[in-house]
Amino acid sequence: MTEIAKRLSDEEIIDLWKSAIVILTVNLPKDVLVIEAEKVKRLVELSDKIANFRVD
């Protein structure tokens, strides 16, 4: 993930990816889960945006 963040010049991707992992691995209280879910939503939006972007 760090390589993708470097190539896209977007360090936010690392934080968003961490949120996805936390949701899958930790039993979170609902209020924290809502915050982390919003970050994952942002990750999906970013992924959709760059899906056709060529990374060499």
PDB file of N, CA and C in Angstrom:
ATOM      1  N   MET A   1       0.822  -1.193   0.000  1.00  0.00           N
ATOM      2  CA  MET A   1       0.000   0.000   0.000  1.00  0.00           C
ATOM      3  C   MET A   1       0.863   1.252   0.000  1.00  0.00           C
ATOM      4  N   THR A   2       2.012   1.190   0.662  1.00  0.00           N
ATOM      5  CA  THR A   2       2.870   2.371   0.671  1.00  0.00           C
ATOM      6  C   THR A   2       3.404   2.689  -0.717  1.00  0.00           C
ATOM      7  N   GLU A   3       3.650   1.659  -1.509  1.00  0.00           N
ATOM      8  CA  GLU A   3       4.129   1.883  -2.882  1.00  0.00           C
ATOM      9  C   GLU A   3       3.050   2.574  -3.717  1.00  0.00           C
ATOM     10  N   ILE A   4       1.821   2.161  -3.560  1.00  0.00           N
ATOM     11  CA  ILE A   4       0.710   2.795  -4.285  1.00  0.00           C
ATOM     12  C   ILE A   4       0.588   4.253  -3.861  1.00  0.00           C
ATOM     13  N   ALA A   5       0.667   4.505  -2.570  1.00  0.00           N
ATOM     14  CA  ALA A   5       0.577   5.881  -2.072  1.00  0.00           C
ATOM     15  C   ALA A   5       1.689   6.752  -2.649  1.00  0.00           C
ATOM     16  N   LYS A   6       2.898   6.199  -2.726  1.00  0.00           N
ATOM     17  CA  LYS A   6       4.020   6.951  -3.302  1.00  0.00           C
ATOM     18  C   LYS A   6       3.789   7.247  -4.777  1.00  0.00           C
ATOM     19  N   ARG A   7       3.389   6.226  -5.509  1.00  0.00           N
ATOM     20  CA  ARG A   7       3.210   6.401  -6.956  1.00  0.00           C
ATOM     21  C   ARG A   7       2.087   7.371  -7.286  1.00  0.00           C
ATOM     22  N   LEU A   8       1.082   7.406  -6.426  1.00  0.00           N
ATOM     23  CA  LEU A   8      -0.045   8.314  -6.665  1.00  0.00           C
ATOM     24  C   LEU A   8       0.119   9.641  -5.937  1.00  0.00           C
ATOM     25  N   SER A   9       1.204   9.767  -5.195  1.00  0.00           N
ATOM     26  CA  SER A   9       1.462  10.964  -4.385  1.00  0.00           C
ATOM     27  C   SER A   9       0.272  11.291  -3.484  1.00  0.00           C
ATOM     28  N   ASP A  10      -0.220  10.276  -2.803  1.00  0.00           N
ATOM     29  CA  ASP A  10      -1.381  10.457  -1.933  1.00  0.00           C
ATOM     30  C   ASP A  10      -1.223   9.593  -0.681  1.00  0.00           C
ATOM     31  N   GLU A  11      -0.689  10.190   0.366  1.00  0.00           N
ATOM     32  CA  GLU A  11      -0.455   9.469   1.615  1.00  0.00           C
ATOM     33  C   GLU A  11      -1.761   9.139   2.344  1.00  0.00           C
ATOM     34  N   GLU A  12      -2.853   9.786   1.989  1.00  0.00           N
ATOM     35  CA  GLU A  12      -4.142   9.510   2.621  1.00  0.00           C
ATOM     36  C   GLU A  12      -4.552   8.049   2.415  1.00  0.00           C
ATOM     37  N   ILE A  13      -4.110   7.462   1.324  1.00  0.00           N
ATOM     38  CA  ILE A  13      -4.467   6.074   1.011  1.00  0.00           C
ATOM     39  C   ILE A  13      -4.042   5.135   2.139  1.00  0.00           C
ATOM     40  N   ILE A  14      -2.901   5.379   2.736  1.00  0.00           N
ATOM     41  CA  ILE A  14      -2.421   4.522   3.819  1.00  0.00           C
ATOM     42  C   ILE A  14      -3.376   4.576   5.005  1.00  0.00           C
ATOM     43  N   ASP A  15      -3.785   5.756   5.395  1.00  0.00           N
ATOM     44  CA  ASP A  15      -4.714   5.911   6.517  1.00  0.00           C
ATOM     45  C   ASP A  15      -6.055   5.258   6.208  1.00  0.00           C
ATOM     46  N   LEU A  16      -6.531   5.443   5.001  1.00  0.00           N
ATOM     47  CA  LEU A  16      -7.812   4.857   4.614  1.00  0.00           C
ATOM     48  C   LEU A  16      -7.735   3.335   4.601  1.00  0.00           C
ATOM     49  N   TRP A  17      -6.623   2.794   4.137  1.00  0.00           N
ATOM     50  CA  TRP A  17      -6.436   1.338   4.110  1.00  0.00           C
ATOM     51  C   TRP A  17      -6.401   0.783   5.532  1.00  0.00           C
ATOM     52  N   LYS A  18      -5.750   1.506   6.444  1.00  0.00           N
ATOM     53  CA  LYS A  18      -5.720   1.086   7.848  1.00  0.00           C
ATOM     54  C   LYS A  18      -7.129   0.990   8.415  1.00  0.00           C
ATOM     55  N   SER A  19      -7.982   1.911   8.037  1.00  0.00           N
ATOM     56  CA  SER A  19      -9.370   1.878   8.505  1.00  0.00           C
ATOM     57  C   SER A  19     -10.081   0.624   8.021  1.00  0.00           C
ATOM     58  N   ALA A  20      -9.824   0.230   6.792  1.00  0.00           N
ATOM     59  CA  ALA A  20     -10.439  -0.992   6.261  1.00  0.00           C
ATOM     60  C   ALA A  20      -9.973  -2.213   7.050  1.00  0.00           C
ATOM     61  N   ILE A  21      -8.709  -2.268   7.374  1.00  0.00           N
ATOM     62  CA  ILE A  21      -8.173  -3.390   8.136  1.00  0.00           C
ATOM     63  C   ILE A  21      -8.752  -3.403   9.551  1.00  0.00           C
ATOM     64  N   VAL A  22      -8.849  -2.250  10.167  1.00  0.00           N
ATOM     65  CA  VAL A  22      -9.398  -2.157  11.521  1.00  0.00           C
ATOM     66  C   VAL A  22     -10.838  -2.657  11.555  1.00  0.00           C
ATOM     67  N   ILE A  23     -11.622  -2.286  10.577  1.00  0.00           N
ATOM     68  CA  ILE A  23     -13.022  -2.723  10.538  1.00  0.00           C
ATOM     69  C   ILE A  23     -13.109  -4.249  10.463  1.00  0.00           C
ATOM     70  N   LEU A  24     -12.192  -4.859   9.744  1.00  0.00           N
ATOM     71  CA  LEU A  24     -12.218  -6.315   9.581  1.00  0.00           C
ATOM     72  C   LEU A  24     -11.647  -7.079  10.775  1.00  0.00           C
ATOM     73  N   THR A  25     -10.811  -6.434  11.569  1.00  0.00           N
ATOM     74  CA  THR A  25     -10.085  -7.180  12.594  1.00  0.00           C
ATOM     75  C   THR A  25     -10.393  -6.802  14.035  1.00  0.00           C
ATOM     76  N   VAL A  26     -11.067  -5.698  14.264  1.00  0.00           N
ATOM     77  CA  VAL A  26     -11.299  -5.218  15.623  1.00  0.00           C
ATOM     78  C   VAL A  26     -12.793  -5.064  15.870  1.00  0.00           C
ATOM     79  N   ASN A  27     -13.211  -5.431  17.068  1.00  0.00           N
ATOM     80  CA  ASN A  27     -14.601  -5.241  17.466  1.00  0.00           C
ATOM     81  C   ASN A  27     -14.749  -3.809  17.986  1.00  0.00           C
ATOM     82  N   LEU A  28     -15.261  -2.933  17.139  1.00  0.00           N
ATOM     83  CA  LEU A  28     -15.331  -1.512  17.459  1.00  0.00           C
ATOM     84  C   LEU A  28     -16.698  -1.109  18.000  1.00  0.00           C
ATOM     85  N   PRO A  29     -16.716  -0.106  18.877  1.00  0.00           N
ATOM     86  CA  PRO A  29     -18.005   0.461  19.276  1.00  0.00           C
ATOM     87  C   PRO A  29     -18.648   1.143  18.062  1.00  0.00           C
ATOM     88  N   LYS A  30     -19.950   1.244  18.077  1.00  0.00           N
ATOM     89  CA  LYS A  30     -20.678   1.765  16.916  1.00  0.00           C
ATOM     90  C   LYS A  30     -20.203   3.150  16.496  1.00  0.00           C
ATOM     91  N   ASP A  31     -19.965   4.049  17.447  1.00  0.00           N
ATOM     92  CA  ASP A  31     -19.561   5.412  17.086  1.00  0.00           C
ATOM     93  C   ASP A  31     -18.211   5.440  16.373  1.00  0.00           C
ATOM     94  N   VAL A  32     -17.291   4.578  16.774  1.00  0.00           N
ATOM     95  CA  VAL A  32     -15.984   4.497  16.106  1.00  0.00           C
ATOM     96  C   VAL A  32     -16.136   3.809  14.754  1.00  0.00           C
ATOM     97  N   LEU A  33     -16.968   2.790  14.702  1.00  0.00           N
ATOM     98  CA  LEU A  33     -17.201   2.061  13.451  1.00  0.00           C
ATOM     99  C   LEU A  33     -17.746   2.988  12.370  1.00  0.00           C
ATOM    100  N   VAL A  34     -18.626   3.880  12.748  1.00  0.00           N
ATOM    101  CA  VAL A  34     -19.193   4.833  11.784  1.00  0.00           C
ATOM    102  C   VAL A  34     -18.094   5.715  11.191  1.00  0.00           C
ATOM    103  N   ILE A  35     -17.196   6.173  12.027  1.00  0.00           N
ATOM    104  CA  ILE A  35     -16.089   7.024  11.553  1.00  0.00           C
ATOM    105  C   ILE A  35     -15.174   6.244  10.607  1.00  0.00           C
ATOM    106  N   GLU A  36     -14.817   5.027  11.010  1.00  0.00           N
ATOM    107  CA  GLU A  36     -13.931   4.210  10.182  1.00  0.00           C
ATOM    108  C   GLU A  36     -14.614   3.821   8.865  1.00  0.00           C
ATOM    109  N   ALA A  37     -15.910   3.573   8.911  1.00  0.00           N
ATOM    110  CA  ALA A  37     -16.653   3.223   7.697  1.00  0.00           C
ATOM    111  C   ALA A  37     -16.648   4.387   6.703  1.00  0.00           C
ATOM    112  N   GLU A  38     -16.717   5.597   7.192  1.00  0.00           N
ATOM    113  CA  GLU A  38     -16.650   6.767   6.301  1.00  0.00           C
ATOM    114  C   GLU A  38     -15.291   6.835   5.598  1.00  0.00           C
ATOM    115  N   LYS A  39     -14.245   6.471   6.313  1.00  0.00           N
ATOM    116  CA  LYS A  39     -12.908   6.455   5.701  1.00  0.00           C
ATOM    117  C   LYS A  39     -12.827   5.381   4.615  1.00  0.00           C
ATOM    118  N   VAL A  40     -13.433   4.227   4.883  1.00  0.00           N
ATOM    119  CA  VAL A  40     -13.418   3.162   3.874  1.00  0.00           C
ATOM    120  C   VAL A  40     -14.231   3.588   2.655  1.00  0.00           C
ATOM    121  N   LYS A  41     -15.316   4.285   2.889  1.00  0.00           N
ATOM    122  CA  LYS A  41     -16.109   4.818   1.776  1.00  0.00           C
ATOM    123  C   LYS A  41     -15.241   5.743   0.923  1.00  0.00           C
ATOM    124  N   ARG A  42     -14.437   6.560   1.561  1.00  0.00           N
ATOM    125  CA  ARG A  42     -13.526   7.463   0.844  1.00  0.00           C
ATOM    126  C   ARG A  42     -12.497   6.653   0.044  1.00  0.00           C
ATOM    127  N   LEU A  43     -12.012   5.544   0.625  1.00  0.00           N
ATOM    128  CA  LEU A  43     -11.069   4.675  -0.078  1.00  0.00           C
ATOM    129  C   LEU A  43     -11.700   4.098  -1.337  1.00  0.00           C
ATOM    130  N   VAL A  44     -12.933   3.663  -1.229  1.00  0.00           N
ATOM    131  CA  VAL A  44     -13.637   3.116  -2.396  1.00  0.00           C
ATOM    132  C   VAL A  44     -13.819   4.196  -3.458  1.00  0.00           C
ATOM    133  N   GLU A  45     -14.187   5.394  -3.029  1.00  0.00           N
ATOM    134  CA  GLU A  45     -14.347   6.501  -3.979  1.00  0.00           C
ATOM    135  C   GLU A  45     -13.025   6.805  -4.684  1.00  0.00           C
ATOM    136  N   LEU A  46     -11.944   6.830  -3.922  1.00  0.00           N
ATOM    137  CA  LEU A  46     -10.623   7.064  -4.518  1.00  0.00           C
ATOM    138  C   LEU A  46     -10.260   5.958  -5.498  1.00  0.00           C
ATOM    139  N   SER A  47     -10.553   4.730  -5.122  1.00  0.00           N
ATOM    140  CA  SER A  47     -10.268   3.586  -5.992  1.00  0.00           C
ATOM    141  C   SER A  47     -11.042   3.678  -7.294  1.00  0.00           C
ATOM    142  N   ASP A  48     -12.305   4.044  -7.191  1.00  0.00           N
ATOM    143  CA  ASP A  48     -13.112   4.217  -8.396  1.00  0.00           C
ATOM    144  C   ASP A  48     -12.534   5.305  -9.291  1.00  0.00           C
ATOM    145  N   LYS A  49     -12.083   6.374  -8.665  1.00  0.00           N
ATOM    146  CA  LYS A  49     -11.544   7.511  -9.410  1.00  0.00           C
ATOM    147  C   LYS A  49     -10.284   7.139 -10.193  1.00  0.00           C
ATOM    148  N   ILE A  50      -9.431   6.308  -9.595  1.00  0.00           N
ATOM    149  CA  ILE A  50      -8.154   5.987 -10.231  1.00  0.00           C
ATOM    150  C   ILE A  50      -8.145   4.634 -10.923  1.00  0.00           C
ATOM    151  N   ALA A  51      -9.282   3.975 -10.988  1.00  0.00           N
ATOM    152  CA  ALA A  51      -9.355   2.624 -11.560  1.00  0.00           C
ATOM    153  C   ALA A  51      -8.794   2.567 -12.986  1.00  0.00           C
ATOM    154  N   ASN A  52      -8.957   3.598 -13.747  1.00  0.00           N
ATOM    155  CA  ASN A  52      -8.459   3.611 -15.116  1.00  0.00           C
ATOM    156  C   ASN A  52      -7.153   4.373 -15.250  1.00  0.00           C
ATOM    157  N   PHE A  53      -6.576   4.752 -14.117  1.00  0.00           N
ATOM    158  CA  PHE A  53      -5.312   5.494 -14.095  1.00  0.00           C
ATOM    159  C   PHE A  53      -4.172   4.497 -14.168  1.00  0.00           C
ATOM    160  N   ARG A  54      -3.291   4.663 -15.128  1.00  0.00           N
ATOM    161  CA  ARG A  54      -2.169   3.730 -15.295  1.00  0.00           C
ATOM    162  C   ARG A  54      -1.034   4.114 -14.333  1.00  0.00           C
ATOM    163  N   VAL A  55      -0.605   3.143 -13.546  1.00  0.00           N
ATOM    164  CA  VAL A  55       0.515   3.344 -12.628  1.00  0.00           C
ATOM    165  C   VAL A  55       1.678   2.516 -13.126  1.00  0.00           C
ATOM    166  N   ASP A  56       2.730   3.162 -13.557  1.00  0.00           N
ATOM    167  CA  ASP A  56       3.919   2.444 -14.067  1.00  0.00           C
ATOM    168  C   ASP A  56       4.905   2.193 -12.960  1.00  0.00           C
TER     169      ASP A  56
END
